Amino acid sequence: MINEIYKLGQATDYIIPELKEGKPFLFDIVNEAYHFVMDIMPKSLQERSIGSAFVLGFLGNYTAFKLVQGVSDILLPESFNQKYLPLIEKACILGTLTSPLVYSFIDPQGMQEVTQKHPTYTWGMIGAGLGAIWAAYQDINNKKLEKIFHKKPAMTMEITNRIHIN
């Protein structure tokens, strides 16, 4: 039964006994996050676990990243948000892009195992990474526009939209 479900791309990885011994890197965190979200989703999304994991990973990480950026804008000095936050975001983009490559050099067997035995989680992590990259990229570009127009992103977007409309 488990093998039949696994062949369909279902994320039943958490009940396969052999994983208790040698779990892939970050398996427990990814497994908990996946089931926290997917267990409350409609059956139609659960049946499309790979696509759902990608989309929900993207949306979840994008939203989390935007919340952190919003809190940073409120709590931290503007000089930090203008000068240092874009550097941190660029480092996060670089880390997100290079970490799978680095992991594949450090533990090639583990990387192969993750991608082959856990395709749902692999695609969920890809979606989560892309969500964070997209949120960081947007913030970096908004900060560039702030420097040019000396206004907050909402204002610069409004000005940009007027230019394109007229």
N, C-alpha and C. Protein backbone atom coordinates (compact mmCIF):
# COMPACT_ATOMS: atom_id res chain seq x y z
N MET A 1 0.82 -1.20 0.00
CA MET A 1 0.00 0.00 0.00
C MET A 1 0.86 1.26 0.00
N ILE A 2 1.85 1.31 0.89
CA ILE A 2 2.72 2.49 0.97
C ILE A 2 3.45 2.70 -0.35
N ASN A 3 3.97 1.63 -0.93
CA ASN A 3 4.69 1.77 -2.19
C ASN A 3 3.77 2.26 -3.31
N GLU A 4 2.53 1.83 -3.32
CA GLU A 4 1.59 2.29 -4.33
C GLU A 4 1.35 3.79 -4.20
N ILE A 5 1.14 4.27 -2.99
CA ILE A 5 0.92 5.69 -2.76
C ILE A 5 2.18 6.48 -3.11
N TYR A 6 3.33 5.97 -2.72
CA TYR A 6 4.59 6.66 -3.00
C TYR A 6 4.81 6.82 -4.49
N LYS A 7 4.46 5.80 -5.27
CA LYS A 7 4.63 5.87 -6.72
C LYS A 7 3.77 6.98 -7.32
N LEU A 8 2.66 7.30 -6.70
CA LEU A 8 1.80 8.36 -7.19
C LEU A 8 2.30 9.74 -6.80
N GLY A 9 3.40 9.80 -6.07
CA GLY A 9 3.95 11.09 -5.67
C GLY A 9 3.44 11.59 -4.34
N GLN A 10 2.75 10.75 -3.62
CA GLN A 10 2.24 11.15 -2.32
C GLN A 10 3.39 11.23 -1.31
N ALA A 11 3.32 12.17 -0.42
CA ALA A 11 4.37 12.32 0.58
C ALA A 11 4.05 11.47 1.80
N THR A 12 4.28 10.19 1.71
CA THR A 12 4.08 9.29 2.83
C THR A 12 5.42 8.95 3.46
N ASP A 13 6.44 9.74 3.14
CA ASP A 13 7.80 9.48 3.58
C ASP A 13 7.90 9.34 5.10
N TYR A 14 7.06 10.05 5.83
CA TYR A 14 7.17 10.08 7.27
C TYR A 14 6.84 8.74 7.93
N ILE A 15 6.23 7.80 7.21
CA ILE A 15 5.90 6.52 7.83
C ILE A 15 6.75 5.37 7.30
N ILE A 16 7.69 5.63 6.44
CA ILE A 16 8.55 4.57 5.92
C ILE A 16 9.61 4.28 6.99
N PRO A 17 9.69 3.04 7.50
CA PRO A 17 10.55 2.71 8.65
C PRO A 17 12.03 2.98 8.44
N GLU A 18 12.57 2.76 7.23
CA GLU A 18 14.01 2.90 7.05
C GLU A 18 14.52 4.32 7.29
N LEU A 19 13.63 5.30 7.27
CA LEU A 19 14.06 6.68 7.45
C LEU A 19 14.36 7.03 8.91
N LYS A 20 13.91 6.20 9.82
CA LYS A 20 14.17 6.48 11.23
C LYS A 20 15.66 6.46 11.54
N GLU A 21 16.41 5.66 10.81
CA GLU A 21 17.85 5.56 11.06
C GLU A 21 18.60 6.72 10.43
N GLY A 22 18.59 6.82 9.11
CA GLY A 22 19.36 7.84 8.42
C GLY A 22 18.48 8.78 7.63
N LYS A 23 18.00 9.83 8.28
CA LYS A 23 17.13 10.79 7.62
C LYS A 23 17.97 11.80 6.85
N PRO A 24 17.47 12.25 5.70
CA PRO A 24 18.17 13.30 4.96
C PRO A 24 18.21 14.61 5.75
N PHE A 25 19.11 15.47 5.37
CA PHE A 25 19.29 16.79 5.97
C PHE A 25 17.97 17.56 5.95
N LEU A 26 17.58 18.12 7.08
CA LEU A 26 16.37 18.93 7.28
C LEU A 26 15.07 18.14 7.10
N PHE A 27 15.13 16.82 7.07
CA PHE A 27 13.94 16.03 6.81
C PHE A 27 12.83 16.31 7.83
N ASP A 28 13.16 16.31 9.12
CA ASP A 28 12.14 16.47 10.14
C ASP A 28 11.42 17.82 10.02
N ILE A 29 12.19 18.88 9.76
CA ILE A 29 11.59 20.22 9.63
C ILE A 29 10.67 20.27 8.42
N VAL A 30 11.16 19.77 7.29
CA VAL A 30 10.37 19.78 6.06
C VAL A 30 9.12 18.91 6.22
N ASN A 31 9.29 17.75 6.84
CA ASN A 31 8.17 16.85 7.06
C ASN A 31 7.09 17.51 7.93
N GLU A 32 7.50 18.14 9.01
CA GLU A 32 6.54 18.81 9.89
C GLU A 32 5.84 19.96 9.17
N ALA A 33 6.59 20.78 8.44
CA ALA A 33 6.00 21.91 7.72
C ALA A 33 5.00 21.41 6.67
N TYR A 34 5.40 20.38 5.95
CA TYR A 34 4.53 19.83 4.90
C TYR A 34 3.22 19.34 5.49
N HIS A 35 3.30 18.54 6.55
CA HIS A 35 2.07 17.98 7.12
C HIS A 35 1.26 19.01 7.89
N PHE A 36 1.90 20.02 8.44
CA PHE A 36 1.18 21.09 9.11
C PHE A 36 0.22 21.75 8.12
N VAL A 37 0.69 21.95 6.89
CA VAL A 37 -0.13 22.60 5.87
C VAL A 37 -1.02 21.60 5.11
N MET A 38 -0.43 20.53 4.62
CA MET A 38 -1.17 19.62 3.73
C MET A 38 -2.28 18.83 4.44
N ASP A 39 -2.12 18.57 5.72
CA ASP A 39 -3.14 17.80 6.43
C ASP A 39 -4.47 18.54 6.55
N ILE A 40 -4.46 19.86 6.37
CA ILE A 40 -5.71 20.63 6.43
C ILE A 40 -6.20 21.05 5.05
N MET A 41 -5.47 20.68 4.02
CA MET A 41 -5.85 21.03 2.65
C MET A 41 -6.92 20.08 2.12
N PRO A 42 -7.67 20.54 1.13
CA PRO A 42 -8.68 19.66 0.52
C PRO A 42 -8.02 18.44 -0.12
N LYS A 43 -8.78 17.39 -0.24
CA LYS A 43 -8.29 16.13 -0.80
C LYS A 43 -7.70 16.33 -2.21
N SER A 44 -8.29 17.22 -2.99
CA SER A 44 -7.80 17.44 -4.36
C SER A 44 -6.37 17.96 -4.36
N LEU A 45 -6.00 18.79 -3.40
CA LEU A 45 -4.62 19.27 -3.30
C LEU A 45 -3.71 18.18 -2.75
N GLN A 46 -4.21 17.40 -1.82
CA GLN A 46 -3.40 16.31 -1.26
C GLN A 46 -3.07 15.27 -2.32
N GLU A 47 -3.97 15.07 -3.26
CA GLU A 47 -3.73 14.11 -4.34
C GLU A 47 -2.71 14.60 -5.35
N ARG A 48 -2.46 15.87 -5.37
CA ARG A 48 -1.46 16.48 -6.26
C ARG A 48 -0.33 17.03 -5.40
N SER A 49 0.30 16.15 -4.66
CA SER A 49 1.21 16.58 -3.60
C SER A 49 2.45 17.31 -4.12
N ILE A 50 2.99 16.93 -5.25
CA ILE A 50 4.21 17.59 -5.74
C ILE A 50 3.90 19.03 -6.15
N GLY A 51 2.88 19.24 -6.95
CA GLY A 51 2.50 20.59 -7.36
C GLY A 51 2.06 21.43 -6.17
N SER A 52 1.29 20.82 -5.29
CA SER A 52 0.82 21.55 -4.11
C SER A 52 1.98 21.93 -3.21
N ALA A 53 2.94 21.03 -3.03
CA ALA A 53 4.10 21.33 -2.19
C ALA A 53 4.88 22.50 -2.76
N PHE A 54 5.05 22.53 -4.08
CA PHE A 54 5.78 23.62 -4.72
C PHE A 54 5.05 24.96 -4.51
N VAL A 55 3.76 25.00 -4.83
CA VAL A 55 2.99 26.24 -4.73
C VAL A 55 2.88 26.70 -3.28
N LEU A 56 2.56 25.79 -2.38
CA LEU A 56 2.41 26.17 -0.98
C LEU A 56 3.75 26.56 -0.35
N GLY A 57 4.83 25.88 -0.76
CA GLY A 57 6.16 26.27 -0.28
C GLY A 57 6.52 27.67 -0.75
N PHE A 58 6.24 27.94 -2.02
CA PHE A 58 6.50 29.28 -2.58
C PHE A 58 5.71 30.34 -1.82
N LEU A 59 4.39 30.14 -1.72
CA LEU A 59 3.54 31.14 -1.07
C LEU A 59 3.88 31.31 0.41
N GLY A 60 4.14 30.20 1.08
CA GLY A 60 4.46 30.28 2.51
C GLY A 60 5.75 31.03 2.77
N ASN A 61 6.79 30.73 2.04
CA ASN A 61 8.07 31.40 2.27
C ASN A 61 8.04 32.84 1.78
N TYR A 62 7.34 33.10 0.68
CA TYR A 62 7.20 34.46 0.19
C TYR A 62 6.50 35.32 1.25
N THR A 63 5.41 34.80 1.80
CA THR A 63 4.66 35.53 2.82
C THR A 63 5.51 35.74 4.08
N ALA A 64 6.20 34.71 4.51
CA ALA A 64 7.05 34.84 5.70
C ALA A 64 8.14 35.89 5.48
N PHE A 65 8.75 35.87 4.31
CA PHE A 65 9.81 36.83 3.99
C PHE A 65 9.25 38.25 3.98
N LYS A 66 8.06 38.44 3.40
CA LYS A 66 7.44 39.77 3.35
C LYS A 66 7.08 40.25 4.76
N LEU A 67 6.64 39.34 5.62
CA LEU A 67 6.33 39.73 7.00
C LEU A 67 7.59 40.20 7.74
N VAL A 68 8.69 39.48 7.55
CA VAL A 68 9.95 39.87 8.18
C VAL A 68 10.40 41.24 7.64
N GLN A 69 10.25 41.45 6.34
CA GLN A 69 10.61 42.74 5.77
C GLN A 69 9.74 43.86 6.34
N GLY A 70 8.44 43.59 6.50
CA GLY A 70 7.54 44.59 7.07
C GLY A 70 7.88 44.93 8.51
N VAL A 71 8.19 43.91 9.29
CA VAL A 71 8.60 44.13 10.68
C VAL A 71 9.90 44.93 10.72
N SER A 72 10.82 44.59 9.83
CA SER A 72 12.09 45.32 9.75
C SER A 72 11.86 46.79 9.41
N ASP A 73 10.94 47.05 8.48
CA ASP A 73 10.65 48.44 8.11
C ASP A 73 10.07 49.23 9.28
N ILE A 74 9.31 48.55 10.13
CA ILE A 74 8.67 49.22 11.26
C ILE A 74 9.64 49.39 12.44
N LEU A 75 10.38 48.34 12.77
CA LEU A 75 11.16 48.33 14.01
C LEU A 75 12.61 48.83 13.87
N LEU A 76 13.19 48.64 12.71
CA LEU A 76 14.60 48.99 12.56
C LEU A 76 14.76 50.37 11.92
N PRO A 77 15.88 51.02 12.20
CA PRO A 77 16.10 52.35 11.62
C PRO A 77 16.13 52.30 10.09
N GLU A 78 15.67 53.39 9.47
CA GLU A 78 15.64 53.45 8.01
C GLU A 78 17.03 53.27 7.41
N SER A 79 18.05 53.76 8.11
CA SER A 79 19.41 53.61 7.60
C SER A 79 19.80 52.13 7.49
N PHE A 80 19.36 51.31 8.46
CA PHE A 80 19.63 49.87 8.39
C PHE A 80 18.90 49.26 7.20
N ASN A 81 17.62 49.61 7.07
CA ASN A 81 16.82 49.04 5.98
C ASN A 81 17.33 49.44 4.60
N GLN A 82 17.91 50.61 4.49
CA GLN A 82 18.42 51.07 3.19
C GLN A 82 19.81 50.53 2.90
N LYS A 83 20.64 50.45 3.94
CA LYS A 83 22.05 50.12 3.72
C LYS A 83 22.35 48.63 3.91
N TYR A 84 21.87 48.05 4.99
CA TYR A 84 22.29 46.69 5.35
C TYR A 84 21.29 45.60 4.95
N LEU A 85 20.00 45.90 5.01
CA LEU A 85 19.01 44.87 4.67
C LEU A 85 19.18 44.36 3.23
N PRO A 86 19.41 45.24 2.25
CA PRO A 86 19.64 44.71 0.89
C PRO A 86 20.87 43.80 0.81
N LEU A 87 21.90 44.07 1.59
CA LEU A 87 23.08 43.19 1.61
C LEU A 87 22.73 41.83 2.20
N ILE A 88 21.94 41.85 3.28
CA ILE A 88 21.50 40.60 3.90
C ILE A 88 20.62 39.82 2.92
N GLU A 89 19.74 40.53 2.23
CA GLU A 89 18.85 39.86 1.27
C GLU A 89 19.65 39.27 0.11
N LYS A 90 20.65 39.98 -0.35
CA LYS A 90 21.50 39.45 -1.43
C LYS A 90 22.25 38.20 -0.96
N ALA A 91 22.71 38.23 0.29
CA ALA A 91 23.38 37.05 0.85
C ALA A 91 22.41 35.88 0.96
N CYS A 92 21.16 36.16 1.33
CA CYS A 92 20.15 35.10 1.42
C CYS A 92 19.85 34.51 0.04
N ILE A 93 19.78 35.37 -0.98
CA ILE A 93 19.56 34.88 -2.34
C ILE A 93 20.71 33.97 -2.75
N LEU A 94 21.93 34.43 -2.50
CA LEU A 94 23.10 33.63 -2.85
C LEU A 94 23.10 32.30 -2.09
N GLY A 95 22.81 32.35 -0.82
CA GLY A 95 22.76 31.13 0.00
C GLY A 95 21.69 30.17 -0.46
N THR A 96 20.53 30.71 -0.82
CA THR A 96 19.43 29.86 -1.28
C THR A 96 19.79 29.18 -2.60
N LEU A 97 20.46 29.92 -3.47
CA LEU A 97 20.83 29.35 -4.77
C LEU A 97 21.98 28.35 -4.67
N THR A 98 22.92 28.59 -3.76
CA THR A 98 24.11 27.74 -3.70
C THR A 98 24.01 26.58 -2.71
N SER A 99 23.11 26.65 -1.74
CA SER A 99 23.07 25.60 -0.72
C SER A 99 22.79 24.21 -1.28
N PRO A 100 21.90 24.04 -2.27
CA PRO A 100 21.74 22.68 -2.81
C PRO A 100 23.02 22.17 -3.49
N LEU A 101 23.72 23.05 -4.16
CA LEU A 101 24.97 22.66 -4.81
C LEU A 101 26.02 22.28 -3.77
N VAL A 102 26.15 23.09 -2.74
CA VAL A 102 27.12 22.79 -1.68
C VAL A 102 26.77 21.47 -1.00
N TYR A 103 25.48 21.27 -0.71
CA TYR A 103 25.04 20.02 -0.08
C TYR A 103 25.36 18.83 -0.98
N SER A 104 25.20 18.99 -2.28
CA SER A 104 25.48 17.87 -3.19
C SER A 104 26.97 17.53 -3.22
N PHE A 105 27.84 18.51 -2.95
CA PHE A 105 29.28 18.22 -2.87
C PHE A 105 29.65 17.61 -1.52
N ILE A 106 29.00 18.05 -0.46
CA ILE A 106 29.30 17.54 0.87
C ILE A 106 28.76 16.12 1.06
N ASP A 107 27.53 15.91 0.63
CA ASP A 107 26.88 14.61 0.81
C ASP A 107 26.15 14.21 -0.48
N PRO A 108 26.90 13.79 -1.51
CA PRO A 108 26.26 13.46 -2.78
C PRO A 108 25.22 12.34 -2.65
N GLN A 109 25.50 11.38 -1.80
CA GLN A 109 24.55 10.28 -1.60
C GLN A 109 23.26 10.79 -0.96
N GLY A 110 23.41 11.67 0.01
CA GLY A 110 22.24 12.25 0.67
C GLY A 110 21.41 13.09 -0.29
N MET A 111 22.07 13.86 -1.14
CA MET A 111 21.36 14.68 -2.12
C MET A 111 20.60 13.79 -3.10
N GLN A 112 21.23 12.74 -3.54
CA GLN A 112 20.58 11.82 -4.46
C GLN A 112 19.37 11.16 -3.79
N GLU A 113 19.54 10.78 -2.53
CA GLU A 113 18.46 10.16 -1.79
C GLU A 113 17.27 11.11 -1.64
N VAL A 114 17.55 12.34 -1.29
CA VAL A 114 16.48 13.32 -1.12
C VAL A 114 15.70 13.51 -2.41
N THR A 115 16.41 13.71 -3.51
CA THR A 115 15.72 13.98 -4.77
C THR A 115 14.97 12.78 -5.32
N GLN A 116 15.49 11.57 -5.07
CA GLN A 116 14.85 10.38 -5.61
C GLN A 116 13.77 9.80 -4.70
N LYS A 117 14.02 9.79 -3.41
CA LYS A 117 13.06 9.18 -2.49
C LYS A 117 12.01 10.17 -1.99
N HIS A 118 12.27 11.44 -2.09
CA HIS A 118 11.37 12.44 -1.53
C HIS A 118 11.08 13.55 -2.55
N PRO A 119 10.52 13.20 -3.70
CA PRO A 119 10.30 14.23 -4.73
C PRO A 119 9.33 15.32 -4.29
N THR A 120 8.35 14.96 -3.49
CA THR A 120 7.39 15.97 -3.03
C THR A 120 8.09 17.01 -2.18
N TYR A 121 8.90 16.57 -1.24
CA TYR A 121 9.60 17.51 -0.37
C TYR A 121 10.64 18.30 -1.15
N THR A 122 11.27 17.66 -2.13
CA THR A 122 12.25 18.37 -2.96
C THR A 122 11.59 19.53 -3.68
N TRP A 123 10.44 19.28 -4.30
CA TRP A 123 9.74 20.35 -5.01
C TRP A 123 9.19 21.40 -4.05
N GLY A 124 8.79 20.99 -2.87
CA GLY A 124 8.35 21.96 -1.87
C GLY A 124 9.48 22.88 -1.45
N MET A 125 10.67 22.32 -1.29
CA MET A 125 11.83 23.14 -0.91
C MET A 125 12.25 24.05 -2.06
N ILE A 126 12.13 23.58 -3.29
CA ILE A 126 12.43 24.43 -4.44
C ILE A 126 11.45 25.61 -4.47
N GLY A 127 10.17 25.33 -4.28
CA GLY A 127 9.18 26.40 -4.24
C GLY A 127 9.44 27.38 -3.11
N ALA A 128 9.78 26.87 -1.94
CA ALA A 128 10.08 27.75 -0.80
C ALA A 128 11.28 28.63 -1.09
N GLY A 129 12.31 28.05 -1.69
CA GLY A 129 13.49 28.84 -2.04
C GLY A 129 13.17 29.93 -3.04
N LEU A 130 12.40 29.60 -4.05
CA LEU A 130 12.04 30.60 -5.06
C LEU A 130 11.14 31.69 -4.48
N GLY A 131 10.28 31.32 -3.53
CA GLY A 131 9.45 32.33 -2.87
C GLY A 131 10.29 33.33 -2.10
N ALA A 132 11.29 32.85 -1.39
CA ALA A 132 12.17 33.74 -0.64
C ALA A 132 13.00 34.61 -1.59
N ILE A 133 13.50 34.01 -2.67
CA ILE A 133 14.29 34.77 -3.64
C ILE A 133 13.44 35.88 -4.26
N TRP A 134 12.21 35.55 -4.64
CA TRP A 134 11.35 36.55 -5.27
C TRP A 134 11.04 37.70 -4.30
N ALA A 135 10.75 37.39 -3.05
CA ALA A 135 10.46 38.43 -2.06
C ALA A 135 11.69 39.32 -1.84
N ALA A 136 12.86 38.71 -1.73
CA ALA A 136 14.09 39.49 -1.53
C ALA A 136 14.38 40.36 -2.74
N TYR A 137 14.22 39.80 -3.92
CA TYR A 137 14.46 40.54 -5.16
C TYR A 137 13.54 41.75 -5.26
N GLN A 138 12.27 41.58 -4.93
CA GLN A 138 11.33 42.70 -4.97
C GLN A 138 11.74 43.79 -3.98
N ASP A 139 12.13 43.39 -2.79
CA ASP A 139 12.52 44.37 -1.78
C ASP A 139 13.78 45.13 -2.18
N ILE A 140 14.75 44.42 -2.74
CA ILE A 140 15.98 45.07 -3.20
C ILE A 140 15.65 46.10 -4.27
N ASN A 141 14.80 45.73 -5.22
CA ASN A 141 14.42 46.68 -6.28
C ASN A 141 13.61 47.84 -5.75
N ASN A 142 12.71 47.60 -4.79
CA ASN A 142 11.96 48.70 -4.18
C ASN A 142 12.88 49.67 -3.47
N LYS A 143 13.91 49.15 -2.82
CA LYS A 143 14.86 50.04 -2.13
C LYS A 143 15.65 50.87 -3.14
N LYS A 144 15.97 50.29 -4.29
CA LYS A 144 16.63 51.06 -5.35
C LYS A 144 15.73 52.20 -5.83
N LEU A 145 14.43 51.89 -6.01
CA LEU A 145 13.48 52.92 -6.43
C LEU A 145 13.33 54.00 -5.36
N GLU A 146 13.36 53.60 -4.09
CA GLU A 146 13.29 54.57 -3.00
C GLU A 146 14.46 55.55 -3.08
N LYS A 147 15.64 55.05 -3.38
CA LYS A 147 16.81 55.92 -3.49
C LYS A 147 16.65 56.89 -4.65
N ILE A 148 16.10 56.42 -5.75
CA ILE A 148 15.95 57.27 -6.93
C ILE A 148 14.87 58.32 -6.71
N PHE A 149 13.69 57.89 -6.24
CA PHE A 149 12.55 58.81 -6.11
C PHE A 149 12.41 59.41 -4.72
N HIS A 150 13.19 58.95 -3.76
CA HIS A 150 13.15 59.42 -2.37
C HIS A 150 11.76 59.28 -1.76
N LYS A 151 11.10 58.18 -2.12
CA LYS A 151 9.77 57.90 -1.58
C LYS A 151 9.67 56.42 -1.26
N LYS A 152 8.67 56.07 -0.48
CA LYS A 152 8.43 54.67 -0.12
C LYS A 152 7.96 53.88 -1.33
N PRO A 153 8.11 52.55 -1.30
CA PRO A 153 7.76 51.71 -2.45
C PRO A 153 6.35 51.92 -3.00
N ALA A 154 5.35 52.12 -2.14
CA ALA A 154 3.98 52.29 -2.64
C ALA A 154 3.90 53.53 -3.52
N MET A 155 4.57 54.57 -3.11
CA MET A 155 4.57 55.80 -3.90
C MET A 155 5.33 55.61 -5.21
N THR A 156 6.45 54.94 -5.15
CA THR A 156 7.23 54.75 -6.37
C THR A 156 6.48 53.86 -7.35
N MET A 157 5.74 52.88 -6.84
CA MET A 157 4.97 52.02 -7.72
C MET A 157 3.83 52.82 -8.36
N GLU A 158 3.23 53.74 -7.59
CA GLU A 158 2.17 54.56 -8.12
C GLU A 158 2.71 55.47 -9.23
N ILE A 159 3.87 56.08 -8.99
CA ILE A 159 4.51 56.93 -9.99
C ILE A 159 4.88 56.11 -11.23
N THR A 160 5.42 54.93 -11.02
CA THR A 160 5.80 54.06 -12.14
C THR A 160 4.57 53.67 -12.94
N ASN A 161 3.48 53.34 -12.26
CA ASN A 161 2.25 52.99 -12.97
C ASN A 161 1.71 54.15 -13.78
N ARG A 162 1.78 55.36 -13.26
CA ARG A 162 1.31 56.55 -14.00
C ARG A 162 2.15 56.76 -15.25
N ILE A 163 3.45 56.56 -15.14
CA ILE A 163 4.32 56.74 -16.28
C ILE A 163 3.97 55.75 -17.38
N HIS A 164 3.71 54.50 -17.00
CA HIS A 164 3.40 53.45 -18.00
C HIS A 164 2.00 53.63 -18.58
N ILE A 165 1.05 54.16 -17.80
CA ILE A 165 -0.30 54.32 -18.29
C ILE A 165 -0.39 55.48 -19.28
N ASN A 166 0.27 56.58 -18.95
CA ASN A 166 0.20 57.79 -19.80
C ASN A 166 1.14 57.68 -20.90
